[in-house]
Each structure stands twice: as C-alpha cells, then as structure tokens.
N, C-alpha and C. Protein backbone atom coordinates (compact mmCIF):
# COMPACT_ATOMS: atom_id res chain seq x y z
N MET A 1 39.27 -17.99 8.56
CA MET A 1 39.00 -18.57 6.94
C MET A 1 39.27 -19.78 7.60
N GLY A 2 38.95 -20.59 7.20
CA GLY A 2 39.45 -22.49 7.11
C GLY A 2 41.09 -22.52 6.84
N LEU A 3 41.51 -23.56 7.24
CA LEU A 3 43.15 -24.21 6.53
C LEU A 3 42.48 -24.73 4.89
N PHE A 4 41.58 -25.30 4.38
CA PHE A 4 41.24 -25.81 3.38
C PHE A 4 39.85 -24.27 2.79
N SER A 5 39.77 -23.60 3.44
CA SER A 5 38.72 -22.82 2.40
C SER A 5 39.11 -22.86 0.91
N ARG A 6 37.94 -22.59 0.30
CA ARG A 6 37.78 -22.69 -0.96
C ARG A 6 38.03 -20.72 -1.51
N ARG A 7 37.81 -20.26 -0.74
CA ARG A 7 38.06 -19.07 -0.80
C ARG A 7 39.06 -18.73 -0.41
N ARG A 8 40.18 -18.06 -0.99
CA ARG A 8 41.37 -17.42 -1.07
C ARG A 8 41.41 -15.15 -1.02
N PRO A 9 41.50 -14.65 0.06
CA PRO A 9 41.48 -13.77 -0.27
C PRO A 9 42.70 -13.01 -1.03
N GLY A 10 42.47 -11.92 -1.81
CA GLY A 10 43.02 -11.32 -2.58
C GLY A 10 43.29 -11.66 -3.69
N ARG A 11 42.77 -12.90 -4.63
CA ARG A 11 42.80 -13.08 -6.02
C ARG A 11 42.30 -12.09 -6.59
N THR A 12 42.81 -12.14 -7.53
CA THR A 12 42.16 -11.21 -8.68
C THR A 12 40.78 -11.68 -9.81
N GLY A 13 40.05 -11.12 -9.58
CA GLY A 13 38.85 -11.80 -10.26
C GLY A 13 38.17 -13.02 -9.78
N SER A 14 37.23 -13.16 -10.16
CA SER A 14 36.61 -13.74 -8.88
C SER A 14 35.55 -15.11 -9.82
N SER A 15 34.94 -16.24 -9.27
CA SER A 15 34.15 -17.45 -9.90
C SER A 15 33.33 -16.56 -11.06
N ALA A 16 33.06 -15.48 -10.18
CA ALA A 16 31.65 -15.02 -10.92
C ALA A 16 31.90 -14.66 -12.97
N ASP A 17 33.80 -14.28 -12.98
CA ASP A 17 34.40 -13.63 -14.33
C ASP A 17 34.05 -15.29 -15.17
N ALA A 18 34.00 -16.00 -14.23
CA ALA A 18 34.34 -17.42 -15.04
C ALA A 18 33.13 -17.83 -15.90
N PRO A 19 32.66 -18.19 -17.38
CA PRO A 19 31.78 -18.36 -17.95
C PRO A 19 31.09 -19.58 -17.50
N THR A 20 30.18 -20.49 -17.36
CA THR A 20 29.30 -21.69 -16.73
C THR A 20 28.36 -21.59 -17.29
N GLY A 21 28.35 -23.44 -17.41
CA GLY A 21 27.24 -23.98 -17.94
C GLY A 21 27.09 -23.46 -19.58
N ARG A 22 25.76 -23.16 -19.93
CA ARG A 22 25.76 -23.55 -21.50
C ARG A 22 27.14 -21.94 -22.22
N ASP A 23 26.66 -20.99 -21.23
CA ASP A 23 28.35 -20.19 -22.02
C ASP A 23 29.24 -21.06 -21.80
N ALA A 24 29.37 -21.36 -21.15
CA ALA A 24 31.08 -22.25 -20.70
C ALA A 24 31.36 -23.30 -21.90
N ARG A 25 30.24 -23.98 -22.41
CA ARG A 25 30.09 -25.14 -23.52
C ARG A 25 30.39 -24.50 -24.88
N ALA A 26 29.48 -23.51 -24.95
CA ALA A 26 29.24 -22.98 -26.19
C ALA A 26 30.42 -22.15 -26.45
N GLU A 27 31.69 -22.03 -25.64
CA GLU A 27 32.89 -21.21 -25.52
C GLU A 27 34.02 -22.70 -26.12
N THR A 28 33.59 -23.87 -25.31
CA THR A 28 34.34 -24.67 -25.49
C THR A 28 34.23 -25.09 -27.14
N LEU A 29 32.98 -25.76 -27.67
CA LEU A 29 32.80 -26.00 -28.81
C LEU A 29 33.40 -24.76 -29.96
N ALA A 30 32.84 -23.84 -29.70
CA ALA A 30 33.11 -22.82 -30.58
C ALA A 30 35.00 -22.74 -30.39
N TYR A 31 35.95 -22.97 -29.68
CA TYR A 31 37.53 -23.23 -29.57
C TYR A 31 37.58 -24.44 -30.57
N LEU A 32 36.96 -25.56 -29.92
CA LEU A 32 37.26 -26.75 -30.86
C LEU A 32 37.44 -26.56 -32.25
N ARG A 33 36.18 -25.99 -32.71
CA ARG A 33 35.82 -26.16 -33.98
C ARG A 33 36.52 -25.26 -34.58
N ASP A 34 37.38 -24.48 -33.83
CA ASP A 34 38.13 -23.29 -34.67
C ASP A 34 39.44 -23.94 -34.69
N PHE A 35 39.73 -25.16 -33.82
CA PHE A 35 41.23 -25.55 -33.85
C PHE A 35 40.75 -26.67 -35.10
N VAL A 36 39.50 -27.29 -35.41
CA VAL A 36 39.60 -28.46 -36.17
C VAL A 36 39.07 -27.68 -37.64
N THR A 37 39.27 -26.65 -37.76
CA THR A 37 39.06 -25.93 -38.78
C THR A 37 40.30 -25.40 -39.60
N THR A 38 41.22 -24.72 -38.71
CA THR A 38 42.10 -24.00 -38.52
C THR A 38 43.56 -25.30 -38.85
N ARG A 39 42.93 -26.30 -38.54
CA ARG A 39 44.32 -27.06 -38.79
C ARG A 39 43.96 -28.56 -39.47
N VAL A 40 44.89 -29.32 -40.33
CA VAL A 40 44.60 -30.71 -41.25
C VAL A 40 44.83 -31.90 -40.44
N GLY A 41 43.74 -32.87 -40.49
CA GLY A 41 43.67 -34.10 -40.01
C GLY A 41 43.19 -33.96 -38.59
N VAL A 42 42.65 -33.46 -37.99
CA VAL A 42 42.50 -33.81 -36.80
C VAL A 42 42.23 -34.55 -36.19
N GLU A 43 42.30 -35.62 -35.19
CA GLU A 43 41.44 -36.71 -34.29
C GLU A 43 41.20 -35.93 -33.18
N ALA A 44 40.65 -36.79 -32.13
CA ALA A 44 40.28 -36.79 -31.05
C ALA A 44 40.56 -37.64 -29.94
N TYR A 45 41.19 -37.48 -29.00
CA TYR A 45 41.75 -38.56 -28.28
C TYR A 45 40.79 -38.39 -26.58
N VAL A 46 40.02 -39.42 -26.31
CA VAL A 46 39.23 -39.27 -24.95
C VAL A 46 40.50 -39.67 -23.86
N GLU A 47 40.18 -38.66 -22.98
CA GLU A 47 41.36 -39.19 -21.33
C GLU A 47 40.17 -39.33 -20.34
N PRO A 48 40.30 -40.42 -20.22
CA PRO A 48 39.86 -40.53 -18.67
C PRO A 48 39.84 -39.84 -17.46
N ARG A 49 38.58 -39.92 -16.60
CA ARG A 49 38.97 -39.12 -15.43
C ARG A 49 39.72 -39.86 -14.51
N THR A 50 40.52 -38.88 -14.12
CA THR A 50 41.45 -39.73 -12.90
C THR A 50 41.07 -38.82 -11.24
N ASN A 51 41.94 -39.14 -10.31
CA ASN A 51 41.76 -38.88 -9.26
C ASN A 51 41.96 -37.04 -9.36
N VAL A 52 42.50 -37.13 -10.02
CA VAL A 52 43.14 -35.39 -10.13
C VAL A 52 42.82 -34.73 -11.15
N THR A 53 42.63 -35.46 -12.50
CA THR A 53 41.70 -34.50 -13.40
C THR A 53 40.72 -34.90 -14.06
N PRO A 54 39.42 -34.00 -14.72
CA PRO A 54 38.52 -34.57 -14.86
C PRO A 54 38.39 -34.97 -15.99
N THR A 55 37.73 -35.71 -17.49
CA THR A 55 37.61 -36.39 -18.36
C THR A 55 37.87 -35.14 -18.93
N THR A 56 38.85 -35.50 -20.35
CA THR A 56 39.10 -34.64 -20.97
C THR A 56 39.44 -35.00 -22.32
N ILE A 57 39.01 -33.87 -23.39
CA ILE A 57 38.79 -34.77 -24.78
C ILE A 57 40.64 -33.67 -24.94
N MET A 58 40.87 -34.29 -26.18
CA MET A 58 42.54 -34.17 -26.41
C MET A 58 42.26 -34.14 -28.36
N LEU A 59 42.64 -33.34 -28.67
CA LEU A 59 42.67 -32.70 -29.79
C LEU A 59 43.95 -32.79 -30.72
N VAL A 60 44.34 -33.46 -31.84
CA VAL A 60 45.70 -33.65 -31.98
C VAL A 60 45.87 -33.27 -34.21
N ALA A 61 46.50 -32.14 -34.28
CA ALA A 61 46.55 -32.17 -35.65
C ALA A 61 47.65 -33.01 -36.39
N THR A 62 47.75 -33.14 -37.33
CA THR A 62 48.72 -33.76 -38.60
C THR A 62 49.98 -33.68 -37.83
N ASP A 63 50.38 -32.11 -37.66
CA ASP A 63 51.95 -32.28 -37.43
C ASP A 63 52.06 -32.35 -36.26
N GLY A 64 51.41 -32.81 -34.77
CA GLY A 64 51.45 -32.52 -33.70
C GLY A 64 50.43 -31.93 -32.79
N GLU A 65 50.58 -30.67 -33.14
CA GLU A 65 49.90 -29.82 -32.52
C GLU A 65 48.60 -30.02 -31.47
N TRP A 66 48.28 -29.73 -30.38
CA TRP A 66 47.53 -30.52 -29.67
C TRP A 66 46.68 -29.72 -28.90
N THR A 67 45.87 -30.05 -28.86
CA THR A 67 45.05 -28.63 -27.57
C THR A 67 43.75 -29.71 -26.85
N ARG A 68 43.30 -29.30 -25.50
CA ARG A 68 42.63 -30.13 -24.47
C ARG A 68 41.89 -29.20 -23.95
N ARG A 69 40.72 -30.08 -23.98
CA ARG A 69 39.49 -29.31 -22.68
C ARG A 69 38.47 -30.43 -22.16
N LYS A 70 38.37 -29.64 -21.05
CA LYS A 70 37.95 -30.75 -20.54
C LYS A 70 36.12 -31.18 -20.56
N VAL A 71 35.63 -32.33 -20.66
CA VAL A 71 34.22 -32.40 -20.87
C VAL A 71 33.48 -33.21 -20.31
N PRO A 72 32.28 -33.24 -19.99
CA PRO A 72 31.99 -34.11 -18.70
C PRO A 72 31.82 -35.76 -18.86
N ASP A 73 31.66 -35.94 -19.87
CA ASP A 73 32.48 -37.24 -19.56
C ASP A 73 32.49 -37.96 -20.79
N GLU A 74 32.95 -39.11 -21.45
CA GLU A 74 33.26 -39.83 -22.36
C GLU A 74 32.13 -39.67 -23.20
N ARG A 75 30.60 -40.29 -23.26
CA ARG A 75 30.06 -39.90 -24.26
C ARG A 75 29.76 -38.61 -24.67
N ALA A 76 30.07 -37.24 -23.94
CA ALA A 76 29.80 -35.94 -24.19
C ALA A 76 30.97 -35.89 -25.43
N ALA A 77 32.55 -36.29 -25.40
CA ALA A 77 33.80 -36.21 -25.70
C ALA A 77 33.07 -37.34 -27.25
N ALA A 78 32.32 -38.21 -27.12
CA ALA A 78 32.51 -38.77 -28.81
C ALA A 78 31.46 -37.89 -29.36
N SER A 79 30.61 -37.52 -28.26
CA SER A 79 29.15 -36.74 -28.87
C SER A 79 30.24 -35.28 -29.96
N ILE A 80 30.98 -34.65 -28.93
CA ILE A 80 31.92 -33.10 -29.65
C ILE A 80 32.41 -34.36 -30.78
N ALA A 81 32.95 -34.83 -30.91
CA ALA A 81 34.07 -35.49 -32.16
C ALA A 81 32.93 -35.73 -33.32
N ARG A 82 32.16 -36.08 -32.81
CA ARG A 82 30.68 -36.92 -34.06
C ARG A 82 30.54 -35.64 -34.87
N ASP A 83 30.28 -34.53 -33.64
CA ASP A 83 29.51 -33.15 -34.38
C ASP A 83 30.98 -32.32 -35.26
N LEU A 84 31.77 -32.17 -34.82
CA LEU A 84 33.45 -31.82 -35.45
C LEU A 84 33.21 -32.90 -36.57
N GLN A 85 32.92 -33.94 -36.80
CA GLN A 85 33.35 -34.59 -38.45
C GLN A 85 34.58 -35.56 -37.90
N ILE A 86 35.07 -35.47 -37.17
CA ILE A 86 36.53 -36.37 -37.12
C ILE A 86 36.27 -37.21 -36.09
N PRO A 87 37.35 -38.00 -36.39
CA PRO A 87 38.07 -39.62 -35.25
C PRO A 87 37.67 -38.76 -34.01
N VAL A 88 37.50 -40.21 -33.26
CA VAL A 88 37.32 -40.54 -32.01
C VAL A 88 38.04 -41.82 -31.44
N TYR A 89 39.09 -41.28 -30.95
CA TYR A 89 39.61 -42.58 -30.13
C TYR A 89 39.82 -42.75 -28.35
N ASP A 90 40.03 -43.64 -27.53
CA ASP A 90 40.13 -43.97 -26.48
C ASP A 90 41.35 -43.67 -26.29
N VAL A 91 42.19 -42.84 -25.77
CA VAL A 91 43.67 -43.44 -25.02
C VAL A 91 44.46 -44.03 -24.74
N GLN A 92 43.47 -44.82 -23.65
CA GLN A 92 43.65 -45.85 -22.61
C GLN A 92 43.85 -47.09 -24.08
N ARG A 93 42.77 -47.19 -25.07
CA ARG A 93 43.19 -48.01 -26.00
C ARG A 93 44.37 -48.04 -26.98
N THR A 94 44.40 -46.93 -27.57
CA THR A 94 45.50 -46.53 -28.21
C THR A 94 46.55 -45.61 -28.41
N GLY A 95 46.82 -45.28 -27.06
CA GLY A 95 47.73 -44.42 -26.49
C GLY A 95 47.97 -43.18 -27.32
N TYR A 96 48.89 -42.36 -26.91
CA TYR A 96 49.20 -41.10 -27.29
C TYR A 96 49.50 -41.26 -28.73
N PRO A 97 49.63 -40.77 -29.85
CA PRO A 97 50.04 -40.84 -31.05
C PRO A 97 51.31 -40.15 -30.67
N GLN A 98 52.59 -40.66 -31.49
CA GLN A 98 53.87 -40.52 -31.60
C GLN A 98 54.36 -38.99 -31.73
N ARG A 99 53.55 -38.13 -32.99
CA ARG A 99 53.31 -36.74 -33.37
C ARG A 99 53.65 -36.01 -32.42
N VAL A 100 52.30 -36.31 -31.36
CA VAL A 100 51.99 -35.46 -30.28
C VAL A 100 53.72 -35.09 -29.48
N ARG A 101 54.08 -36.27 -28.97
CA ARG A 101 55.34 -36.71 -28.62
C ARG A 101 56.51 -35.50 -29.12
N ASP A 102 56.92 -35.52 -30.65
CA ASP A 102 57.44 -35.18 -31.39
C ASP A 102 57.21 -33.25 -31.64
N TRP A 103 56.14 -32.90 -31.47
CA TRP A 103 55.86 -31.46 -31.59
C TRP A 103 55.99 -31.15 -30.15
N ASN A 104 55.45 -31.53 -29.10
CA ASN A 104 56.37 -31.37 -27.71
C ASN A 104 57.87 -31.25 -28.03
N ALA A 105 58.56 -32.02 -28.17
CA ALA A 105 59.99 -31.96 -28.10
C ALA A 105 60.39 -30.86 -29.25
N ARG A 106 59.97 -30.43 -30.10
CA ARG A 106 60.14 -29.18 -30.94
C ARG A 106 59.77 -27.97 -30.17
N GLN A 107 58.85 -28.33 -29.95
CA GLN A 107 58.69 -26.86 -29.05
C GLN A 107 59.65 -26.18 -27.72
N ARG A 108 59.86 -27.63 -26.79
CA ARG A 108 60.78 -27.78 -25.65
C ARG A 108 62.40 -26.97 -26.40
N LEU A 109 62.79 -27.88 -28.32
CA LEU A 109 63.63 -27.13 -28.18
C LEU A 109 64.01 -25.45 -28.77
N GLU A 110 62.70 -25.06 -29.45
CA GLU A 110 62.09 -23.79 -29.80
C GLU A 110 62.47 -22.65 -28.35
N ARG A 111 62.14 -23.15 -27.35
CA ARG A 111 61.75 -22.14 -26.09
C ARG A 111 62.98 -22.37 -25.64
N LYS A 112 64.28 -23.30 -25.62
CA LYS A 112 65.32 -23.49 -24.95
C LYS A 112 66.25 -22.05 -26.31
N ARG A 113 65.63 -22.61 -27.55
CA ARG A 113 66.46 -21.82 -28.41
C ARG A 113 66.33 -19.88 -28.51
N ARG A 114 65.05 -19.64 -28.36
CA ARG A 114 64.44 -18.30 -27.77
C ARG A 114 65.07 -18.16 -26.47
N SER A 115 65.09 -18.84 -25.49
CA SER A 115 65.80 -18.15 -24.21
C SER A 115 66.81 -17.87 -24.16
N ALA A 116 67.87 -18.68 -24.43
CA ALA A 116 69.49 -18.74 -25.28
C ALA A 116 69.52 -17.42 -26.24
N ASP A 117 68.66 -17.10 -27.06
CA ASP A 117 68.72 -15.83 -27.52
C ASP A 117 68.67 -14.32 -26.58
N ARG A 118 67.88 -14.90 -25.69
CA ARG A 118 67.80 -13.74 -24.75
C ARG A 118 68.96 -13.15 -23.93
N THR A 119 69.44 -14.26 -23.41
CA THR A 119 70.76 -13.33 -23.03
C THR A 119 71.61 -13.71 -23.57
C-alpha cells in the first residue's frame, strides 16, 4: 500500500457504512431541522470553503449553542436556511456572533469542573 493511500488497513467500519448522496442529504436536513425546532432564535452562518474544509453552514441559537454541517456550496446553504425559514448570514461579512464565543467559554468551564470533580 502506498504512503498516501486512501485505504487504511485495520479501520473499523467502511465507507460503505456511511450514507451517501440523497441519504446523507436527508440525514443532514433532518438534523438541521431538529436543531432549529428544538432551539430558540436560530440563525445560519455560511462558512466558505478553504483548502482544509468544505463549505459549511453553522446554525447558532440565541444562547450561543451551535452546530455545523458541510454543504455543497454557498447557494445550497442559503437554500437550506430558506427552507428552514431562518435568517442566513455570510460569516466573512458579519463574523461570528459573540454569543458563540460565550457559549464555548461556558462549555470549557463545565468540562474543567467535571474533570476536577472526577479526581
């Protein structure tokens, strides 16, 4: 096997186990729809493709909780937001909302506390 081979021996699960095409799209849409319906004030932020990551859509709730999923392109992300009936923003123009950073900071503190409680 070559140094840069895509196959890795000994890995559990195979790419055949992962949903593809329509199934993957349906699962992603169902997950995003569930996030929107179970949280308050959700907004979408479109993150552009980079050399390292594909285009993604980040959903952010009022309390700062967020989730991210990859999408084919910016138009698809805007279409998803429209279907979910939530506002959509280009993160390159607006930046990330402060509530995301606040939520991440709270989560870090909680993890530290839980870790300290275990010892």
